[in-house]
Amino acid sequence: MMARRWIVSVVTVAWLSLAGGCDGFAQKSEHDLRLCREENVKLKNDLTAANEVIAGQQRQIQTLEGLGAKRLDLLFHVTSLEVGKYSSGLDVDGRPGDDLIRVYLRPLDAIGDPIKAAGTVTIQFYDLAAPADKNLFATYEFGIDQVAKSWYGGVLTYHYRFECPWKSGPPPHPDVTVRATFTDYLTGKQFTDQKVIKVNLPPAATKPAK
């Protein structure tokens, strides 16, 4: 009788353990299933977003193809560069002689109107009276952020304005050739113009005429 009771007890404990294990397994399976469903929803959303991006890019490509290879002709873009006539030396400290050169630049479109375009600027100063290997006496580089901040617009003119102080003193001669290069970020093309301007030299820097 005691043996029978012992067997019943063992069987009961085993059944309870198995039942508890099955419940734990069922709970774990349900948790994993929920995670799989959430991941599936996320993947579907990501796929939908990716398809929308692809569709937008395809529409852009079709639009560009419809405009044709000559679509730049339909846009306002830079076709030339002009060093402004008001570019000149400038005295900022009140003492005799200019301290820098102020350069006005105007990117122009196909009909000659000034246009505000994104790009970089390089300005070089030449003293053509100096020997050929020494006539370039200063170079200034302006990045796209600096160029954007240098735009001035008004009733009479639109232009970029750059101030270039002497790097190692004024030039030896008052005639300075300004050579400017504008690199247009829309087309990747470079446009160049140059102009001779006069600067006022301090008395010590003025050489007597021979």
N, C-alpha and C. Protein backbone atom coordinates (compact mmCIF):
# COMPACT_ATOMS: atom_id res chain seq x y z
N MET A 1 0.84 -1.22 0.00
CA MET A 1 0.00 0.00 0.00
C MET A 1 0.85 1.24 0.00
N MET A 2 1.90 1.21 0.83
CA MET A 2 2.83 2.35 0.90
C MET A 2 3.55 2.54 -0.43
N ALA A 3 3.92 1.42 -1.05
CA ALA A 3 4.61 1.49 -2.34
C ALA A 3 3.74 2.11 -3.39
N ARG A 4 2.43 1.73 -3.31
CA ARG A 4 1.48 2.28 -4.30
C ARG A 4 1.35 3.78 -4.13
N ARG A 5 1.23 4.22 -2.88
CA ARG A 5 1.14 5.65 -2.63
C ARG A 5 2.39 6.40 -3.11
N TRP A 6 3.55 5.76 -2.90
CA TRP A 6 4.83 6.39 -3.34
C TRP A 6 4.86 6.56 -4.85
N ILE A 7 4.37 5.53 -5.56
CA ILE A 7 4.36 5.58 -7.04
C ILE A 7 3.43 6.69 -7.50
N VAL A 8 2.24 6.80 -6.84
CA VAL A 8 1.28 7.83 -7.22
C VAL A 8 1.87 9.21 -6.99
N SER A 9 2.58 9.38 -5.89
CA SER A 9 3.20 10.68 -5.58
C SER A 9 4.26 11.05 -6.61
N VAL A 10 5.08 10.07 -6.97
CA VAL A 10 6.13 10.32 -7.97
C VAL A 10 5.51 10.71 -9.30
N VAL A 11 4.46 9.97 -9.70
CA VAL A 11 3.80 10.27 -10.97
C VAL A 11 3.17 11.65 -10.93
N THR A 12 2.57 12.01 -9.80
CA THR A 12 1.94 13.32 -9.68
C THR A 12 2.97 14.43 -9.80
N VAL A 13 4.09 14.31 -9.10
CA VAL A 13 5.16 15.31 -9.17
C VAL A 13 5.70 15.43 -10.59
N ALA A 14 5.91 14.29 -11.25
CA ALA A 14 6.42 14.32 -12.62
C ALA A 14 5.45 15.02 -13.55
N TRP A 15 4.15 14.74 -13.37
CA TRP A 15 3.14 15.37 -14.23
C TRP A 15 3.07 16.88 -14.02
N LEU A 16 3.15 17.28 -12.73
CA LEU A 16 3.15 18.70 -12.44
C LEU A 16 4.38 19.41 -13.03
N SER A 17 5.54 18.73 -12.93
CA SER A 17 6.76 19.31 -13.51
C SER A 17 6.64 19.45 -15.01
N LEU A 18 6.11 18.40 -15.65
CA LEU A 18 5.94 18.43 -17.11
C LEU A 18 4.95 19.52 -17.51
N ALA A 19 3.88 19.64 -16.75
CA ALA A 19 2.88 20.66 -17.06
C ALA A 19 3.47 22.05 -16.91
N GLY A 20 4.24 22.24 -15.83
CA GLY A 20 4.88 23.55 -15.64
C GLY A 20 5.86 23.84 -16.75
N GLY A 21 6.61 22.81 -17.19
CA GLY A 21 7.55 23.02 -18.29
C GLY A 21 6.85 23.36 -19.57
N CYS A 22 5.75 22.74 -19.83
CA CYS A 22 4.99 23.03 -21.05
C CYS A 22 4.45 24.45 -21.03
N ASP A 23 3.98 24.88 -19.85
CA ASP A 23 3.49 26.26 -19.75
C ASP A 23 4.61 27.25 -20.03
N GLY A 24 5.81 26.99 -19.45
CA GLY A 24 6.95 27.88 -19.71
C GLY A 24 7.33 27.89 -21.17
N PHE A 25 7.30 26.71 -21.80
CA PHE A 25 7.63 26.63 -23.22
C PHE A 25 6.61 27.39 -24.06
N ALA A 26 5.34 27.27 -23.67
CA ALA A 26 4.29 27.97 -24.41
C ALA A 26 4.44 29.48 -24.27
N GLN A 27 4.79 29.94 -23.06
CA GLN A 27 5.00 31.38 -22.86
C GLN A 27 6.18 31.88 -23.68
N LYS A 28 7.28 31.12 -23.69
CA LYS A 28 8.46 31.50 -24.47
C LYS A 28 8.14 31.52 -25.96
N SER A 29 7.41 30.54 -26.43
CA SER A 29 7.05 30.49 -27.85
C SER A 29 6.17 31.68 -28.23
N GLU A 30 5.25 32.02 -27.33
CA GLU A 30 4.39 33.16 -27.61
C GLU A 30 5.19 34.46 -27.66
N HIS A 31 6.19 34.60 -26.77
CA HIS A 31 7.05 35.79 -26.78
C HIS A 31 7.86 35.88 -28.07
N ASP A 32 8.45 34.73 -28.46
CA ASP A 32 9.23 34.70 -29.70
C ASP A 32 8.35 35.02 -30.90
N LEU A 33 7.13 34.50 -30.88
CA LEU A 33 6.22 34.75 -32.00
C LEU A 33 5.88 36.24 -32.09
N ARG A 34 5.68 36.87 -30.92
CA ARG A 34 5.37 38.29 -30.92
C ARG A 34 6.55 39.11 -31.47
N LEU A 35 7.77 38.72 -31.07
CA LEU A 35 8.96 39.41 -31.59
C LEU A 35 9.07 39.25 -33.10
N CYS A 36 8.78 38.04 -33.58
CA CYS A 36 8.85 37.79 -35.02
C CYS A 36 7.83 38.65 -35.78
N ARG A 37 6.64 38.75 -35.19
CA ARG A 37 5.62 39.57 -35.84
C ARG A 37 6.03 41.05 -35.88
N GLU A 38 6.59 41.55 -34.77
CA GLU A 38 7.04 42.94 -34.73
C GLU A 38 8.17 43.19 -35.73
N GLU A 39 9.09 42.22 -35.81
CA GLU A 39 10.19 42.35 -36.78
C GLU A 39 9.66 42.32 -38.20
N ASN A 40 8.66 41.49 -38.45
CA ASN A 40 8.06 41.39 -39.77
C ASN A 40 7.41 42.72 -40.17
N VAL A 41 6.69 43.33 -39.20
CA VAL A 41 6.05 44.63 -39.47
C VAL A 41 7.11 45.68 -39.78
N LYS A 42 8.20 45.68 -39.01
CA LYS A 42 9.28 46.65 -39.23
C LYS A 42 9.90 46.47 -40.62
N LEU A 43 10.15 45.23 -41.01
CA LEU A 43 10.74 44.96 -42.33
C LEU A 43 9.81 45.41 -43.45
N LYS A 44 8.50 45.17 -43.25
CA LYS A 44 7.54 45.62 -44.26
C LYS A 44 7.54 47.14 -44.38
N ASN A 45 7.61 47.84 -43.24
CA ASN A 45 7.65 49.31 -43.27
C ASN A 45 8.93 49.81 -43.95
N ASP A 46 10.06 49.16 -43.63
CA ASP A 46 11.33 49.56 -44.26
C ASP A 46 11.27 49.33 -45.77
N LEU A 47 10.68 48.21 -46.18
CA LEU A 47 10.57 47.91 -47.60
C LEU A 47 9.68 48.93 -48.31
N THR A 48 8.59 49.32 -47.65
CA THR A 48 7.70 50.34 -48.23
C THR A 48 8.42 51.66 -48.41
N ALA A 49 9.20 52.08 -47.37
CA ALA A 49 9.95 53.34 -47.45
C ALA A 49 10.99 53.28 -48.56
N ALA A 50 11.70 52.14 -48.66
CA ALA A 50 12.71 51.99 -49.71
C ALA A 50 12.08 52.06 -51.10
N ASN A 51 10.92 51.43 -51.26
CA ASN A 51 10.24 51.47 -52.55
C ASN A 51 9.81 52.89 -52.91
N GLU A 52 9.40 53.66 -51.90
CA GLU A 52 9.01 55.06 -52.16
C GLU A 52 10.22 55.88 -52.61
N VAL A 53 11.39 55.64 -51.98
CA VAL A 53 12.61 56.35 -52.39
C VAL A 53 12.98 55.99 -53.83
N ILE A 54 12.92 54.70 -54.15
CA ILE A 54 13.26 54.25 -55.50
C ILE A 54 12.30 54.85 -56.52
N ALA A 55 11.02 54.88 -56.17
CA ALA A 55 10.03 55.45 -57.09
C ALA A 55 10.30 56.94 -57.31
N GLY A 56 10.66 57.66 -56.24
CA GLY A 56 10.99 59.08 -56.39
C GLY A 56 12.20 59.30 -57.27
N GLN A 57 13.24 58.47 -57.09
CA GLN A 57 14.43 58.58 -57.93
C GLN A 57 14.11 58.27 -59.38
N GLN A 58 13.27 57.28 -59.61
CA GLN A 58 12.89 56.95 -60.98
C GLN A 58 12.13 58.11 -61.64
N ARG A 59 11.28 58.79 -60.86
CA ARG A 59 10.56 59.94 -61.42
C ARG A 59 11.53 61.06 -61.76
N GLN A 60 12.54 61.27 -60.90
CA GLN A 60 13.55 62.29 -61.19
C GLN A 60 14.32 61.96 -62.46
N ILE A 61 14.70 60.69 -62.60
CA ILE A 61 15.44 60.27 -63.80
C ILE A 61 14.58 60.49 -65.05
N GLN A 62 13.31 60.13 -64.98
CA GLN A 62 12.42 60.32 -66.13
C GLN A 62 12.27 61.80 -66.48
N THR A 63 12.21 62.65 -65.43
CA THR A 63 12.11 64.09 -65.68
C THR A 63 13.35 64.61 -66.37
N LEU A 64 14.54 64.20 -65.87
CA LEU A 64 15.79 64.65 -66.48
C LEU A 64 15.93 64.13 -67.90
N GLU A 65 15.55 62.87 -68.11
CA GLU A 65 15.62 62.32 -69.47
C GLU A 65 14.66 63.06 -70.41
N GLY A 66 13.52 63.48 -69.87
CA GLY A 66 12.57 64.21 -70.69
C GLY A 66 13.10 65.58 -71.10
N LEU A 67 13.91 66.21 -70.21
CA LEU A 67 14.48 67.51 -70.54
C LEU A 67 15.58 67.39 -71.60
N GLY A 68 16.21 66.20 -71.64
CA GLY A 68 17.24 66.01 -72.65
C GLY A 68 18.62 66.45 -72.18
N ALA A 69 19.61 66.17 -73.02
CA ALA A 69 21.00 66.46 -72.68
C ALA A 69 21.28 67.96 -72.59
N LYS A 70 20.43 68.77 -73.20
CA LYS A 70 20.65 70.21 -73.21
C LYS A 70 19.82 70.93 -72.13
N ARG A 71 19.51 70.20 -71.05
CA ARG A 71 18.67 70.80 -70.02
C ARG A 71 19.32 72.00 -69.35
N LEU A 72 20.69 72.05 -69.33
CA LEU A 72 21.36 73.20 -68.73
C LEU A 72 21.04 74.49 -69.47
N ASP A 73 20.72 74.35 -70.75
CA ASP A 73 20.37 75.55 -71.52
C ASP A 73 19.06 76.17 -71.02
N LEU A 74 18.27 75.36 -70.32
CA LEU A 74 16.99 75.84 -69.82
C LEU A 74 17.09 76.43 -68.41
N LEU A 75 18.26 76.28 -67.78
CA LEU A 75 18.46 76.74 -66.42
C LEU A 75 19.31 78.01 -66.41
N PHE A 76 19.16 78.80 -65.35
CA PHE A 76 20.03 79.95 -65.17
C PHE A 76 21.34 79.46 -64.55
N HIS A 77 22.42 79.65 -65.26
CA HIS A 77 23.72 79.22 -64.74
C HIS A 77 24.81 80.15 -65.26
N VAL A 78 25.97 80.05 -64.63
CA VAL A 78 27.09 80.94 -64.95
C VAL A 78 27.68 80.58 -66.30
N THR A 79 27.90 81.62 -67.13
CA THR A 79 28.58 81.40 -68.40
C THR A 79 29.84 82.25 -68.53
N SER A 80 30.02 83.23 -67.63
CA SER A 80 31.22 84.06 -67.67
C SER A 80 31.39 84.75 -66.32
N LEU A 81 32.55 85.39 -66.15
CA LEU A 81 32.88 86.07 -64.90
C LEU A 81 33.42 87.45 -65.23
N GLU A 82 33.11 88.42 -64.38
CA GLU A 82 33.57 89.78 -64.60
C GLU A 82 34.16 90.35 -63.31
N VAL A 83 35.40 90.87 -63.40
CA VAL A 83 35.96 91.63 -62.29
C VAL A 83 35.36 93.03 -62.37
N GLY A 84 34.65 93.44 -61.32
CA GLY A 84 33.93 94.70 -61.34
C GLY A 84 34.81 95.92 -61.49
N LYS A 85 34.26 96.96 -62.13
CA LYS A 85 35.03 98.17 -62.42
C LYS A 85 35.38 98.95 -61.16
N TYR A 86 34.69 98.69 -60.05
CA TYR A 86 34.98 99.41 -58.82
C TYR A 86 36.03 98.71 -57.95
N SER A 87 36.58 97.62 -58.45
CA SER A 87 37.68 96.97 -57.73
C SER A 87 38.85 97.94 -57.62
N SER A 88 39.42 98.04 -56.43
CA SER A 88 40.48 99.04 -56.23
C SER A 88 41.19 98.79 -54.91
N GLY A 89 42.28 99.54 -54.71
CA GLY A 89 42.93 99.53 -53.42
C GLY A 89 42.10 100.27 -52.39
N LEU A 90 42.33 99.95 -51.12
CA LEU A 90 41.53 100.55 -50.06
C LEU A 90 42.41 100.85 -48.85
N ASP A 91 42.27 102.06 -48.32
CA ASP A 91 42.99 102.46 -47.11
C ASP A 91 42.06 102.30 -45.92
N VAL A 92 42.46 101.48 -44.94
CA VAL A 92 41.59 101.23 -43.79
C VAL A 92 42.17 101.76 -42.48
N ASP A 93 43.45 102.12 -42.47
CA ASP A 93 44.05 102.59 -41.21
C ASP A 93 44.25 104.11 -41.17
N GLY A 94 43.93 104.80 -42.26
CA GLY A 94 44.05 106.26 -42.27
C GLY A 94 45.43 106.79 -42.58
N ARG A 95 46.40 105.91 -42.67
CA ARG A 95 47.76 106.34 -43.02
C ARG A 95 47.92 106.33 -44.53
N PRO A 96 48.89 107.07 -45.06
CA PRO A 96 49.07 107.11 -46.52
C PRO A 96 49.32 105.71 -47.08
N GLY A 97 48.69 105.43 -48.17
CA GLY A 97 48.86 104.13 -48.82
C GLY A 97 47.72 103.17 -48.55
N ASP A 98 47.40 102.36 -49.55
CA ASP A 98 46.31 101.39 -49.40
C ASP A 98 46.79 100.19 -48.58
N ASP A 99 45.85 99.59 -47.87
CA ASP A 99 46.16 98.45 -47.00
C ASP A 99 45.66 97.13 -47.58
N LEU A 100 44.82 97.21 -48.57
CA LEU A 100 44.27 95.98 -49.16
C LEU A 100 43.65 96.32 -50.51
N ILE A 101 43.24 95.27 -51.21
CA ILE A 101 42.51 95.44 -52.46
C ILE A 101 41.12 94.85 -52.28
N ARG A 102 40.12 95.64 -52.59
CA ARG A 102 38.74 95.16 -52.57
C ARG A 102 38.36 94.76 -53.99
N VAL A 103 37.97 93.51 -54.13
CA VAL A 103 37.66 92.96 -55.45
C VAL A 103 36.17 92.68 -55.54
N TYR A 104 35.55 93.20 -56.60
CA TYR A 104 34.15 92.92 -56.89
C TYR A 104 34.08 91.92 -58.04
N LEU A 105 33.30 90.86 -57.83
CA LEU A 105 33.14 89.83 -58.87
C LEU A 105 31.66 89.66 -59.20
N ARG A 106 31.40 89.48 -60.50
CA ARG A 106 30.03 89.27 -60.95
C ARG A 106 29.98 88.04 -61.86
N PRO A 107 29.50 86.90 -61.37
CA PRO A 107 29.20 85.78 -62.27
C PRO A 107 28.01 86.17 -63.14
N LEU A 108 28.11 85.92 -64.42
CA LEU A 108 27.07 86.35 -65.36
C LEU A 108 26.44 85.14 -66.06
N ASP A 109 25.13 85.28 -66.36
CA ASP A 109 24.46 84.22 -67.10
C ASP A 109 24.59 84.46 -68.60
N ALA A 110 23.85 83.70 -69.38
CA ALA A 110 24.01 83.74 -70.83
C ALA A 110 23.64 85.07 -71.45
N ILE A 111 22.78 85.87 -70.79
CA ILE A 111 22.39 87.17 -71.35
C ILE A 111 23.08 88.33 -70.63
N GLY A 112 24.09 87.99 -69.81
CA GLY A 112 24.89 89.04 -69.19
C GLY A 112 24.37 89.59 -67.88
N ASP A 113 23.39 88.93 -67.28
CA ASP A 113 22.88 89.38 -65.99
C ASP A 113 23.66 88.72 -64.86
N PRO A 114 23.94 89.46 -63.79
CA PRO A 114 24.64 88.86 -62.64
C PRO A 114 23.76 87.81 -61.98
N ILE A 115 24.38 86.75 -61.51
CA ILE A 115 23.64 85.64 -60.92
C ILE A 115 24.38 85.17 -59.68
N LYS A 116 23.62 84.94 -58.62
CA LYS A 116 24.21 84.39 -57.39
C LYS A 116 24.32 82.88 -57.55
N ALA A 117 25.54 82.41 -57.65
CA ALA A 117 25.78 81.00 -57.90
C ALA A 117 26.69 80.44 -56.81
N ALA A 118 26.51 79.17 -56.50
CA ALA A 118 27.35 78.51 -55.50
C ALA A 118 28.68 78.11 -56.14
N GLY A 119 29.77 78.38 -55.43
CA GLY A 119 31.06 78.02 -55.96
C GLY A 119 32.18 78.51 -55.07
N THR A 120 33.40 78.34 -55.54
CA THR A 120 34.59 78.81 -54.83
C THR A 120 35.30 79.85 -55.68
N VAL A 121 36.11 80.67 -55.02
CA VAL A 121 36.79 81.78 -55.71
C VAL A 121 38.28 81.75 -55.37
N THR A 122 39.08 81.96 -56.39
CA THR A 122 40.52 82.16 -56.22
C THR A 122 40.88 83.52 -56.81
N ILE A 123 41.58 84.35 -56.03
CA ILE A 123 42.00 85.67 -56.51
C ILE A 123 43.53 85.74 -56.42
N GLN A 124 44.14 86.14 -57.52
CA GLN A 124 45.59 86.27 -57.59
C GLN A 124 45.96 87.69 -57.99
N PHE A 125 47.04 88.20 -57.40
CA PHE A 125 47.55 89.54 -57.72
C PHE A 125 48.91 89.41 -58.37
N TYR A 126 49.05 90.09 -59.52
CA TYR A 126 50.29 90.06 -60.28
C TYR A 126 50.85 91.48 -60.39
N ASP A 127 52.14 91.58 -60.27
CA ASP A 127 52.87 92.82 -60.58
C ASP A 127 53.63 92.54 -61.87
N LEU A 128 53.05 92.92 -63.00
CA LEU A 128 53.63 92.57 -64.30
C LEU A 128 54.91 93.34 -64.60
N ALA A 129 55.22 94.35 -63.77
CA ALA A 129 56.50 95.05 -63.94
C ALA A 129 57.65 94.27 -63.32
N ALA A 130 57.33 93.27 -62.54
CA ALA A 130 58.37 92.44 -61.90
C ALA A 130 58.82 91.34 -62.86
N PRO A 131 59.95 90.68 -62.58
CA PRO A 131 60.38 89.57 -63.43
C PRO A 131 59.31 88.49 -63.51
N ALA A 132 59.29 87.75 -64.61
CA ALA A 132 58.23 86.78 -64.87
C ALA A 132 58.10 85.74 -63.77
N ASP A 133 59.22 85.35 -63.16
CA ASP A 133 59.16 84.32 -62.13
C ASP A 133 58.80 84.88 -60.75
N LYS A 134 58.60 86.20 -60.68
CA LYS A 134 58.28 86.82 -59.39
C LYS A 134 57.07 87.75 -59.46
N ASN A 135 56.35 87.70 -60.57
CA ASN A 135 55.27 88.69 -60.71
C ASN A 135 53.98 88.31 -59.97
N LEU A 136 53.82 87.06 -59.58
CA LEU A 136 52.69 86.67 -58.74
C LEU A 136 53.07 86.91 -57.28
N PHE A 137 52.41 87.88 -56.63
CA PHE A 137 52.84 88.20 -55.27
C PHE A 137 51.81 87.87 -54.19
N ALA A 138 50.60 87.43 -54.56
CA ALA A 138 49.64 87.03 -53.53
C ALA A 138 48.52 86.20 -54.15
N THR A 139 48.06 85.20 -53.39
CA THR A 139 46.93 84.36 -53.81
C THR A 139 45.97 84.21 -52.63
N TYR A 140 44.67 84.33 -52.91
CA TYR A 140 43.65 84.23 -51.87
C TYR A 140 42.61 83.19 -52.30
N GLU A 141 42.28 82.30 -51.38
CA GLU A 141 41.29 81.26 -51.66
C GLU A 141 40.06 81.48 -50.77
N PHE A 142 38.88 81.40 -51.38
CA PHE A 142 37.63 81.57 -50.64
C PHE A 142 36.75 80.35 -50.88
N GLY A 143 36.42 79.65 -49.78
CA GLY A 143 35.57 78.47 -49.87
C GLY A 143 34.12 78.84 -50.12
N ILE A 144 33.29 77.82 -50.34
CA ILE A 144 31.91 78.06 -50.73
C ILE A 144 31.13 78.81 -49.63
N ASP A 145 31.44 78.53 -48.36
CA ASP A 145 30.74 79.24 -47.28
C ASP A 145 31.12 80.72 -47.26
N GLN A 146 32.41 81.00 -47.47
CA GLN A 146 32.86 82.39 -47.51
C GLN A 146 32.26 83.13 -48.71
N VAL A 147 32.20 82.43 -49.83
CA VAL A 147 31.62 83.05 -51.03
C VAL A 147 30.15 83.40 -50.80
N ALA A 148 29.42 82.48 -50.19
CA ALA A 148 27.99 82.72 -49.94
C ALA A 148 27.78 83.96 -49.07
N LYS A 149 28.67 84.18 -48.10
CA LYS A 149 28.53 85.33 -47.20
C LYS A 149 29.01 86.63 -47.84
N SER A 150 29.64 86.55 -49.00
CA SER A 150 30.22 87.73 -49.65
C SER A 150 29.32 88.33 -50.71
N TRP A 151 28.09 87.85 -50.83
CA TRP A 151 27.17 88.35 -51.85
C TRP A 151 26.47 89.62 -51.37
N TYR A 152 26.45 90.61 -52.25
CA TYR A 152 25.77 91.88 -51.95
C TYR A 152 24.83 92.20 -53.10
N GLY A 153 23.61 92.57 -52.74
CA GLY A 153 22.64 92.94 -53.76
C GLY A 153 22.02 94.29 -53.44
N GLY A 154 21.77 95.07 -54.46
CA GLY A 154 21.18 96.40 -54.28
C GLY A 154 20.41 96.82 -55.50
N VAL A 155 20.04 98.09 -55.51
CA VAL A 155 19.25 98.62 -56.62
C VAL A 155 20.07 98.66 -57.90
N LEU A 156 21.34 99.02 -57.78
CA LEU A 156 22.16 99.25 -58.97
C LEU A 156 23.04 98.08 -59.35
N THR A 157 23.36 97.20 -58.40
CA THR A 157 24.30 96.15 -58.74
C THR A 157 24.13 94.94 -57.84
N TYR A 158 24.55 93.80 -58.36
CA TYR A 158 24.62 92.56 -57.59
C TYR A 158 26.01 91.99 -57.81
N HIS A 159 26.68 91.62 -56.73
CA HIS A 159 28.06 91.19 -56.89
C HIS A 159 28.53 90.46 -55.64
N TYR A 160 29.66 89.76 -55.80
CA TYR A 160 30.43 89.27 -54.66
C TYR A 160 31.52 90.30 -54.36
N ARG A 161 31.81 90.48 -53.05
CA ARG A 161 32.85 91.42 -52.67
C ARG A 161 33.85 90.72 -51.75
N PHE A 162 35.14 90.85 -52.11
CA PHE A 162 36.20 90.21 -51.34
C PHE A 162 37.25 91.25 -50.98
N GLU A 163 37.68 91.23 -49.74
CA GLU A 163 38.74 92.13 -49.29
C GLU A 163 40.01 91.32 -49.05
N CYS A 164 41.08 91.73 -49.70
CA CYS A 164 42.33 90.99 -49.68
C CYS A 164 43.45 91.87 -49.12
N PRO A 165 43.74 91.79 -47.84
CA PRO A 165 44.82 92.60 -47.26
C PRO A 165 46.19 92.12 -47.72
N TRP A 166 47.17 93.03 -47.68
CA TRP A 166 48.53 92.65 -48.07
C TRP A 166 49.03 91.52 -47.18
N LYS A 167 49.65 90.54 -47.79
CA LYS A 167 50.20 89.43 -47.02
C LYS A 167 51.63 89.71 -46.56
N SER A 168 52.36 90.44 -47.37
CA SER A 168 53.75 90.75 -47.01
C SER A 168 54.09 92.17 -47.45
N GLY A 169 53.23 93.09 -47.13
CA GLY A 169 53.45 94.48 -47.53
C GLY A 169 52.86 94.79 -48.89
N PRO A 170 52.76 96.06 -49.23
CA PRO A 170 52.18 96.46 -50.52
C PRO A 170 53.05 96.04 -51.69
N PRO A 171 52.50 95.99 -52.89
CA PRO A 171 53.31 95.64 -54.06
C PRO A 171 54.29 96.77 -54.38
N PRO A 172 55.35 96.47 -55.11
CA PRO A 172 56.35 97.51 -55.41
C PRO A 172 55.87 98.54 -56.43
N HIS A 173 54.85 98.20 -57.21
CA HIS A 173 54.38 99.11 -58.26
C HIS A 173 52.87 99.32 -58.11
N PRO A 174 52.38 100.48 -58.50
CA PRO A 174 50.95 100.79 -58.29
C PRO A 174 49.99 100.07 -59.23
N ASP A 175 50.48 99.56 -60.37
CA ASP A 175 49.61 98.83 -61.30
C ASP A 175 49.60 97.35 -60.91
N VAL A 176 48.44 96.89 -60.53
CA VAL A 176 48.29 95.49 -60.09
C VAL A 176 47.27 94.80 -60.98
N THR A 177 47.62 93.64 -61.48
CA THR A 177 46.69 92.84 -62.28
C THR A 177 45.96 91.87 -61.36
N VAL A 178 44.65 91.99 -61.33
CA VAL A 178 43.81 91.10 -60.53
C VAL A 178 43.29 90.00 -61.45
N ARG A 179 43.56 88.77 -61.09
CA ARG A 179 43.06 87.62 -61.86
C ARG A 179 42.17 86.79 -60.93
N ALA A 180 40.89 86.65 -61.29
CA ALA A 180 39.93 85.94 -60.46
C ALA A 180 39.41 84.71 -61.19
N THR A 181 39.23 83.63 -60.45
CA THR A 181 38.68 82.39 -61.00
C THR A 181 37.50 81.95 -60.14
N PHE A 182 36.38 81.70 -60.78
CA PHE A 182 35.18 81.21 -60.10
C PHE A 182 34.91 79.78 -60.56
N THR A 183 34.84 78.85 -59.60
CA THR A 183 34.50 77.47 -59.91
C THR A 183 33.04 77.23 -59.57
N ASP A 184 32.23 77.01 -60.59
CA ASP A 184 30.78 76.88 -60.42
C ASP A 184 30.43 75.47 -59.97
N TYR A 185 29.71 75.36 -58.85
CA TYR A 185 29.36 74.05 -58.32
C TYR A 185 28.24 73.38 -59.10
N LEU A 186 27.47 74.12 -59.86
CA LEU A 186 26.39 73.52 -60.64
C LEU A 186 26.93 72.75 -61.84
N THR A 187 27.83 73.37 -62.58
CA THR A 187 28.34 72.75 -63.81
C THR A 187 29.75 72.18 -63.65
N GLY A 188 30.45 72.59 -62.59
CA GLY A 188 31.84 72.16 -62.41
C GLY A 188 32.82 72.93 -63.27
N LYS A 189 32.35 73.94 -64.00
CA LYS A 189 33.23 74.69 -64.89
C LYS A 189 33.91 75.84 -64.14
N GLN A 190 35.04 76.27 -64.67
CA GLN A 190 35.76 77.41 -64.12
C GLN A 190 35.68 78.60 -65.08
N PHE A 191 35.52 79.77 -64.50
CA PHE A 191 35.43 81.00 -65.29
C PHE A 191 36.44 82.00 -64.73
N THR A 192 37.14 82.68 -65.63
CA THR A 192 38.25 83.55 -65.23
C THR A 192 38.12 84.91 -65.90
N ASP A 193 38.52 85.93 -65.16
CA ASP A 193 38.60 87.27 -65.71
C ASP A 193 39.74 87.99 -64.99
N GLN A 194 40.28 89.00 -65.63
CA GLN A 194 41.33 89.77 -64.99
C GLN A 194 41.21 91.24 -65.36
N LYS A 195 41.79 92.07 -64.51
CA LYS A 195 41.67 93.51 -64.69
C LYS A 195 42.86 94.18 -64.02
N VAL A 196 43.37 95.22 -64.64
CA VAL A 196 44.46 96.01 -64.05
C VAL A 196 43.86 97.14 -63.24
N ILE A 197 44.28 97.24 -62.00
CA ILE A 197 43.81 98.34 -61.15
C ILE A 197 45.01 99.06 -60.57
N LYS A 198 44.78 100.25 -60.07
CA LYS A 198 45.85 101.05 -59.45
C LYS A 198 45.64 101.08 -57.94
N VAL A 199 46.74 100.99 -57.22
CA VAL A 199 46.70 101.12 -55.77
C VAL A 199 47.57 102.29 -55.36
N ASN A 200 47.21 102.91 -54.27
CA ASN A 200 48.02 104.01 -53.72
C ASN A 200 49.05 103.42 -52.77
N LEU A 201 50.30 103.63 -53.11
CA LEU A 201 51.38 103.07 -52.30
C LEU A 201 51.82 104.08 -51.26
N PRO A 202 52.26 103.62 -50.08
CA PRO A 202 52.83 104.56 -49.11
C PRO A 202 54.10 105.20 -49.67
N PRO A 203 54.46 106.38 -49.21
CA PRO A 203 55.62 107.09 -49.79
C PRO A 203 56.89 106.24 -49.85
N ALA A 204 57.13 105.48 -48.82
CA ALA A 204 58.36 104.67 -48.78
C ALA A 204 58.36 103.59 -49.83
N ALA A 205 57.17 103.16 -50.25
CA ALA A 205 57.10 102.07 -51.23
C ALA A 205 57.08 102.58 -52.65
N THR A 206 56.97 103.91 -52.86
CA THR A 206 56.92 104.47 -54.21
C THR A 206 58.34 104.63 -54.73
N LYS A 207 58.61 104.02 -55.85
CA LYS A 207 59.93 104.11 -56.45
C LYS A 207 60.00 105.32 -57.35
N PRO A 208 61.11 106.10 -57.28
CA PRO A 208 61.25 107.26 -58.17
C PRO A 208 61.34 106.84 -59.62
N ALA A 209 60.72 107.62 -60.49
CA ALA A 209 60.77 107.33 -61.93
C ALA A 209 62.19 107.53 -62.44
N LYS A 210 62.62 106.67 -63.33
CA LYS A 210 63.96 106.77 -63.91
C LYS A 210 63.95 107.69 -65.11
